Amino acid sequence: MKRTVRTWAAGPRALPAAALALTLLAGGFAAWAGWDWYGAAHDDAAAYAVQRDKALSAGEQAVQNLNTLDHSSVDRGLDLWESSTTGELHDQLVSGRKEFTTQVKSAKTVTTARVLSGAVTELDDRAGRARVLVALRVTVKAPGGQSTDKDSRMLGELTRTGGGWKLSALGQAPVGGTSAG
């Protein structure tokens, strides 16, 4: 007995119908992807995140700058301090520069700081103000060659200027906490 195998043969309209379906599917996907991209690009949350990241980066760098100073290049270090700051903090650095230079040169120390971690604790994008908490390790090398490491946490206030985010206040973060018992 002879077996016959039936093959399905597409009609003359099957290929254009499949092409039309694929084209519509691809067009729908492109429209959805474009709409999604447009929404993400114009999302206020994305713009806020960009400002937060810029503030954090500038804050970490400024705190590191203000905790790094070499007695052999004090002027260059203090120039960096001044370029990292604004407002009252900047004014204090400028007014005390001469006396501070004398103290650092006489102590002959080298301090270097390394940021361990940082976080933006507040951000008012409209007012151009932010606060950061930065943990860092400061290494102080004395004239005899001995060095000591100290870990500290710093609270910084930032102000957005024409030149970007700059440190406007800096202080030690409180360590420990209080508990109600």
C-alpha atoms as a PDB file:
ATOM      1  CA  MET A   1       0.000   0.000   0.000  1.00  0.00           C
ATOM      2  CA  LYS A   2       1.259   3.276  -1.048  1.00  0.00           C
ATOM      3  CA  ARG A   3       1.252   6.025   1.474  1.00  0.00           C
ATOM      4  CA  THR A   4       0.730   9.554   0.452  1.00  0.00           C
ATOM      5  CA  VAL A   5       2.052  12.417   2.467  1.00  0.00           C
ATOM      6  CA  ARG A   6       0.050  15.541   2.329  1.00  0.00           C
ATOM      7  CA  THR A   7       1.923  18.773   2.565  1.00  0.00           C
ATOM      8  CA  TRP A   8       0.245  21.950   3.391  1.00  0.00           C
ATOM      9  CA  ALA A   9       0.788  24.473   0.716  1.00  0.00           C
ATOM     10  CA  ALA A  10       0.385  28.097   1.610  1.00  0.00           C
ATOM     11  CA  GLY A  11      -1.987  30.009  -0.475  1.00  0.00           C
ATOM     12  CA  PRO A  12      -0.875  33.028  -2.431  1.00  0.00           C
ATOM     13  CA  ARG A  13      -2.175  35.375   0.321  1.00  0.00           C
ATOM     14  CA  ALA A  14      -0.416  33.756   3.315  1.00  0.00           C
ATOM     15  CA  LEU A  15       2.972  35.458   2.818  1.00  0.00           C
ATOM     16  CA  PRO A  16       1.660  39.048   2.560  1.00  0.00           C
ATOM     17  CA  ALA A  17      -0.627  38.466   5.565  1.00  0.00           C
ATOM     18  CA  ALA A  18       2.307  37.205   7.664  1.00  0.00           C
ATOM     19  CA  ALA A  19       4.464  40.159   6.576  1.00  0.00           C
ATOM     20  CA  LEU A  20       1.667  42.581   7.492  1.00  0.00           C
ATOM     21  CA  ALA A  21       1.244  40.955  10.920  1.00  0.00           C
ATOM     22  CA  LEU A  22       4.994  41.151  11.617  1.00  0.00           C
ATOM     23  CA  THR A  23       5.118  44.777  10.461  1.00  0.00           C
ATOM     24  CA  LEU A  24       2.230  45.719  12.742  1.00  0.00           C
ATOM     25  CA  LEU A  25       3.848  43.883  15.645  1.00  0.00           C
ATOM     26  CA  ALA A  26       7.218  45.607  15.078  1.00  0.00           C
ATOM     27  CA  GLY A  27       5.512  48.991  14.706  1.00  0.00           C
ATOM     28  CA  GLY A  28       3.594  48.482  17.949  1.00  0.00           C
ATOM     29  CA  PHE A  29       6.765  47.519  19.787  1.00  0.00           C
ATOM     30  CA  ALA A  30       8.621  50.559  18.403  1.00  0.00           C
ATOM     31  CA  ALA A  31       5.803  52.882  19.471  1.00  0.00           C
ATOM     32  CA  TRP A  32       5.713  51.358  22.978  1.00  0.00           C
ATOM     33  CA  ALA A  33       9.518  51.582  23.356  1.00  0.00           C
ATOM     34  CA  GLY A  34       9.552  55.183  22.111  1.00  0.00           C
ATOM     35  CA  TRP A  35       6.777  56.207  24.495  1.00  0.00           C
ATOM     36  CA  ASP A  36       8.517  54.487  27.395  1.00  0.00           C
ATOM     37  CA  TRP A  37      11.852  56.154  26.556  1.00  0.00           C
ATOM     38  CA  TYR A  38      10.199  59.577  26.243  1.00  0.00           C
ATOM     39  CA  GLY A  39       8.512  59.155  29.621  1.00  0.00           C
ATOM     40  CA  ALA A  40      11.770  58.145  31.299  1.00  0.00           C
ATOM     41  CA  ALA A  41      13.710  61.002  29.691  1.00  0.00           C
ATOM     42  CA  HIS A  42      11.184  63.580  30.900  1.00  0.00           C
ATOM     43  CA  ASP A  43      10.548  62.083  34.344  1.00  0.00           C
ATOM     44  CA  ASP A  44      11.037  64.461  37.286  1.00  0.00           C
ATOM     45  CA  ALA A  45      12.346  61.590  39.411  1.00  0.00           C
ATOM     46  CA  ALA A  46      15.159  61.005  36.918  1.00  0.00           C
ATOM     47  CA  ALA A  47      16.161  64.687  37.019  1.00  0.00           C
ATOM     48  CA  TYR A  48      16.072  64.608  40.823  1.00  0.00           C
ATOM     49  CA  ALA A  49      18.293  61.511  40.853  1.00  0.00           C
ATOM     50  CA  VAL A  50      20.813  63.243  38.590  1.00  0.00           C
ATOM     51  CA  GLN A  51      21.003  66.228  40.973  1.00  0.00           C
ATOM     52  CA  ARG A  52      21.318  63.882  43.957  1.00  0.00           C
ATOM     53  CA  ASP A  53      24.201  62.044  42.298  1.00  0.00           C
ATOM     54  CA  LYS A  54      25.937  65.305  41.371  1.00  0.00           C
ATOM     55  CA  ALA A  55      25.571  66.613  44.928  1.00  0.00           C
ATOM     56  CA  LEU A  56      26.907  63.374  46.412  1.00  0.00           C
ATOM     57  CA  SER A  57      29.890  63.269  44.085  1.00  0.00           C
ATOM     58  CA  ALA A  58      30.764  66.927  44.727  1.00  0.00           C
ATOM     59  CA  GLY A  59      30.221  66.523  48.471  1.00  0.00           C
ATOM     60  CA  GLU A  60      32.441  63.465  48.752  1.00  0.00           C
ATOM     61  CA  GLN A  61      35.177  65.136  46.723  1.00  0.00           C
ATOM     62  CA  ALA A  62      35.000  68.400  48.704  1.00  0.00           C
ATOM     63  CA  VAL A  63      35.121  66.610  52.079  1.00  0.00           C
ATOM     64  CA  GLN A  64      38.109  64.593  50.847  1.00  0.00           C
ATOM     65  CA  ASN A  65      39.788  67.794  49.617  1.00  0.00           C
ATOM     66  CA  LEU A  66      39.310  69.547  52.962  1.00  0.00           C
ATOM     67  CA  ASN A  67      40.886  66.628  54.817  1.00  0.00           C
ATOM     68  CA  THR A  68      43.948  66.344  52.577  1.00  0.00           C
ATOM     69  CA  LEU A  69      46.940  68.678  52.886  1.00  0.00           C
ATOM     70  CA  ASP A  70      50.693  68.365  52.375  1.00  0.00           C
ATOM     71  CA  HIS A  71      53.013  70.792  54.181  1.00  0.00           C
ATOM     72  CA  SER A  72      55.315  70.874  51.146  1.00  0.00           C
ATOM     73  CA  SER A  73      52.542  72.167  48.854  1.00  0.00           C
ATOM     74  CA  VAL A  74      50.284  74.080  51.240  1.00  0.00           C
ATOM     75  CA  ASP A  75      49.321  76.780  48.754  1.00  0.00           C
ATOM     76  CA  ARG A  76      48.158  74.271  46.160  1.00  0.00           C
ATOM     77  CA  GLY A  77      46.190  72.381  48.824  1.00  0.00           C
ATOM     78  CA  LEU A  78      44.549  75.517  50.182  1.00  0.00           C
ATOM     79  CA  ASP A  79      43.696  76.647  46.642  1.00  0.00           C
ATOM     80  CA  LEU A  80      41.865  73.328  46.263  1.00  0.00           C
ATOM     81  CA  TRP A  81      40.091  73.897  49.579  1.00  0.00           C
ATOM     82  CA  GLU A  82      38.924  77.314  48.445  1.00  0.00           C
ATOM     83  CA  SER A  83      37.756  76.059  45.043  1.00  0.00           C
ATOM     84  CA  SER A  84      35.717  73.342  46.802  1.00  0.00           C
ATOM     85  CA  THR A  85      33.841  75.756  49.070  1.00  0.00           C
ATOM     86  CA  THR A  86      31.441  78.664  48.994  1.00  0.00           C
ATOM     87  CA  GLY A  87      29.726  81.053  51.391  1.00  0.00           C
ATOM     88  CA  GLU A  88      30.793  81.470  55.002  1.00  0.00           C
ATOM     89  CA  LEU A  89      33.063  78.399  54.963  1.00  0.00           C
ATOM     90  CA  HIS A  90      34.917  79.796  51.961  1.00  0.00           C
ATOM     91  CA  ASP A  91      35.263  83.186  53.663  1.00  0.00           C
ATOM     92  CA  GLN A  92      36.686  81.552  56.805  1.00  0.00           C
ATOM     93  CA  LEU A  93      39.262  79.646  54.782  1.00  0.00           C
ATOM     94  CA  VAL A  94      40.341  82.752  52.881  1.00  0.00           C
ATOM     95  CA  SER A  95      40.603  84.943  55.985  1.00  0.00           C
ATOM     96  CA  GLY A  96      42.580  82.352  57.992  1.00  0.00           C
ATOM     97  CA  ARG A  97      44.822  81.212  55.177  1.00  0.00           C
ATOM     98  CA  LYS A  98      48.030  82.987  56.201  1.00  0.00           C
ATOM     99  CA  GLU A  99      47.935  81.825  59.824  1.00  0.00           C
ATOM    100  CA  PHE A 100      46.958  78.291  58.829  1.00  0.00           C
ATOM    101  CA  THR A 101      49.789  78.097  56.268  1.00  0.00           C
ATOM    102  CA  THR A 102      52.306  79.004  58.983  1.00  0.00           C
ATOM    103  CA  GLN A 103      50.914  76.328  61.334  1.00  0.00           C
ATOM    104  CA  VAL A 104      50.968  73.555  58.705  1.00  0.00           C
ATOM    105  CA  LYS A 105      54.492  74.368  57.512  1.00  0.00           C
ATOM    106  CA  SER A 106      55.766  74.378  61.080  1.00  0.00           C
ATOM    107  CA  ALA A 107      54.055  71.039  61.924  1.00  0.00           C
ATOM    108  CA  LYS A 108      55.399  69.441  58.692  1.00  0.00           C
ATOM    109  CA  THR A 109      52.535  66.955  58.479  1.00  0.00           C
ATOM    110  CA  VAL A 110      50.937  65.333  55.489  1.00  0.00           C
ATOM    111  CA  THR A 111      47.276  64.362  55.703  1.00  0.00           C
ATOM    112  CA  THR A 112      45.507  62.312  53.084  1.00  0.00           C
ATOM    113  CA  ALA A 113      41.863  61.357  53.110  1.00  0.00           C
ATOM    114  CA  ARG A 114      40.017  58.561  51.383  1.00  0.00           C
ATOM    115  CA  VAL A 115      36.232  58.423  51.166  1.00  0.00           C
ATOM    116  CA  LEU A 116      34.837  55.149  52.475  1.00  0.00           C
ATOM    117  CA  SER A 117      31.174  55.891  51.782  1.00  0.00           C
ATOM    118  CA  GLY A 118      28.763  58.756  51.427  1.00  0.00           C
ATOM    119  CA  ALA A 119      25.083  59.539  51.267  1.00  0.00           C
ATOM    120  CA  VAL A 120      22.853  62.497  50.544  1.00  0.00           C
ATOM    121  CA  THR A 121      20.710  63.002  53.638  1.00  0.00           C
ATOM    122  CA  GLU A 122      18.707  65.969  52.300  1.00  0.00           C
ATOM    123  CA  LEU A 123      18.254  67.544  48.892  1.00  0.00           C
ATOM    124  CA  ASP A 124      16.247  70.641  48.050  1.00  0.00           C
ATOM    125  CA  ASP A 125      16.778  70.839  44.325  1.00  0.00           C
ATOM    126  CA  ARG A 126      14.723  74.020  43.934  1.00  0.00           C
ATOM    127  CA  ALA A 127      16.639  75.920  46.621  1.00  0.00           C
ATOM    128  CA  GLY A 128      19.984  74.456  45.524  1.00  0.00           C
ATOM    129  CA  ARG A 129      20.839  73.031  48.948  1.00  0.00           C
ATOM    130  CA  ALA A 130      21.918  69.567  50.016  1.00  0.00           C
ATOM    131  CA  ARG A 131      23.381  67.773  53.022  1.00  0.00           C
ATOM    132  CA  VAL A 132      25.752  64.848  52.852  1.00  0.00           C
ATOM    133  CA  LEU A 133      27.150  62.368  55.333  1.00  0.00           C
ATOM    134  CA  VAL A 134      30.630  61.164  54.384  1.00  0.00           C
ATOM    135  CA  ALA A 135      32.678  58.458  56.086  1.00  0.00           C
ATOM    136  CA  LEU A 136      36.379  58.746  55.467  1.00  0.00           C
ATOM    137  CA  ARG A 137      39.748  57.500  56.585  1.00  0.00           C
ATOM    138  CA  VAL A 138      42.309  60.226  57.240  1.00  0.00           C
ATOM    139  CA  THR A 139      45.969  59.276  57.366  1.00  0.00           C
ATOM    140  CA  VAL A 140      48.303  61.718  59.125  1.00  0.00           C
ATOM    141  CA  LYS A 141      52.011  61.330  58.511  1.00  0.00           C
ATOM    142  CA  ALA A 142      54.233  63.069  61.029  1.00  0.00           C
ATOM    143  CA  PRO A 143      57.742  64.384  60.273  1.00  0.00           C
ATOM    144  CA  GLY A 144      59.351  61.257  61.804  1.00  0.00           C
ATOM    145  CA  GLY A 145      57.693  59.034  59.201  1.00  0.00           C
ATOM    146  CA  GLN A 146      55.083  57.532  61.483  1.00  0.00           C
ATOM    147  CA  SER A 147      51.538  57.590  60.216  1.00  0.00           C
ATOM    148  CA  THR A 148      48.235  57.104  61.946  1.00  0.00           C
ATOM    149  CA  ASP A 149      44.804  56.411  60.510  1.00  0.00           C
ATOM    150  CA  LYS A 150      41.602  57.855  61.869  1.00  0.00           C
ATOM    151  CA  ASP A 151      38.128  57.042  60.611  1.00  0.00           C
ATOM    152  CA  SER A 152      35.592  59.809  60.894  1.00  0.00           C
ATOM    153  CA  ARG A 153      32.163  60.788  59.706  1.00  0.00           C
ATOM    154  CA  MET A 154      31.594  64.291  58.434  1.00  0.00           C
ATOM    155  CA  LEU A 155      28.362  66.193  57.827  1.00  0.00           C
ATOM    156  CA  GLY A 156      28.554  68.653  54.978  1.00  0.00           C
ATOM    157  CA  GLU A 157      26.163  71.232  53.647  1.00  0.00           C
ATOM    158  CA  LEU A 158      26.291  71.973  49.946  1.00  0.00           C
ATOM    159  CA  THR A 159      25.104  74.928  47.927  1.00  0.00           C
ATOM    160  CA  ARG A 160      24.624  74.797  44.164  1.00  0.00           C
ATOM    161  CA  THR A 161      26.603  77.588  42.504  1.00  0.00           C
ATOM    162  CA  GLY A 162      27.308  78.544  38.910  1.00  0.00           C
ATOM    163  CA  GLY A 163      30.323  76.233  39.171  1.00  0.00           C
ATOM    164  CA  GLY A 164      28.335  73.286  40.506  1.00  0.00           C
ATOM    165  CA  TRP A 165      27.781  71.994  44.035  1.00  0.00           C
ATOM    166  CA  LYS A 166      30.194  73.397  46.623  1.00  0.00           C
ATOM    167  CA  LEU A 167      30.646  72.805  50.333  1.00  0.00           C
ATOM    168  CA  SER A 168      29.188  75.642  52.428  1.00  0.00           C
ATOM    169  CA  ALA A 169      29.558  74.065  55.903  1.00  0.00           C
ATOM    170  CA  LEU A 170      31.432  71.091  57.341  1.00  0.00           C
ATOM    171  CA  GLY A 171      31.492  69.444  60.750  1.00  0.00           C
ATOM    172  CA  GLN A 172      31.944  66.165  62.562  1.00  0.00           C
ATOM    173  CA  ALA A 173      28.931  63.883  62.608  1.00  0.00           C
ATOM    174  CA  PRO A 174      27.829  62.822  66.067  1.00  0.00           C
ATOM    175  CA  VAL A 175      28.865  59.280  66.936  1.00  0.00           C
ATOM    176  CA  GLY A 176      26.538  56.913  68.756  1.00  0.00           C
ATOM    177  CA  GLY A 177      22.988  57.673  69.680  1.00  0.00           C
ATOM    178  CA  THR A 178      20.665  58.130  72.529  1.00  0.00           C
ATOM    179  CA  SER A 179      18.032  55.661  73.434  1.00  0.00           C
ATOM    180  CA  ALA A 180      14.902  56.260  75.381  1.00  0.00           C
ATOM    181  CA  GLY A 181      14.734  53.756  78.121  1.00  0.00           C
END
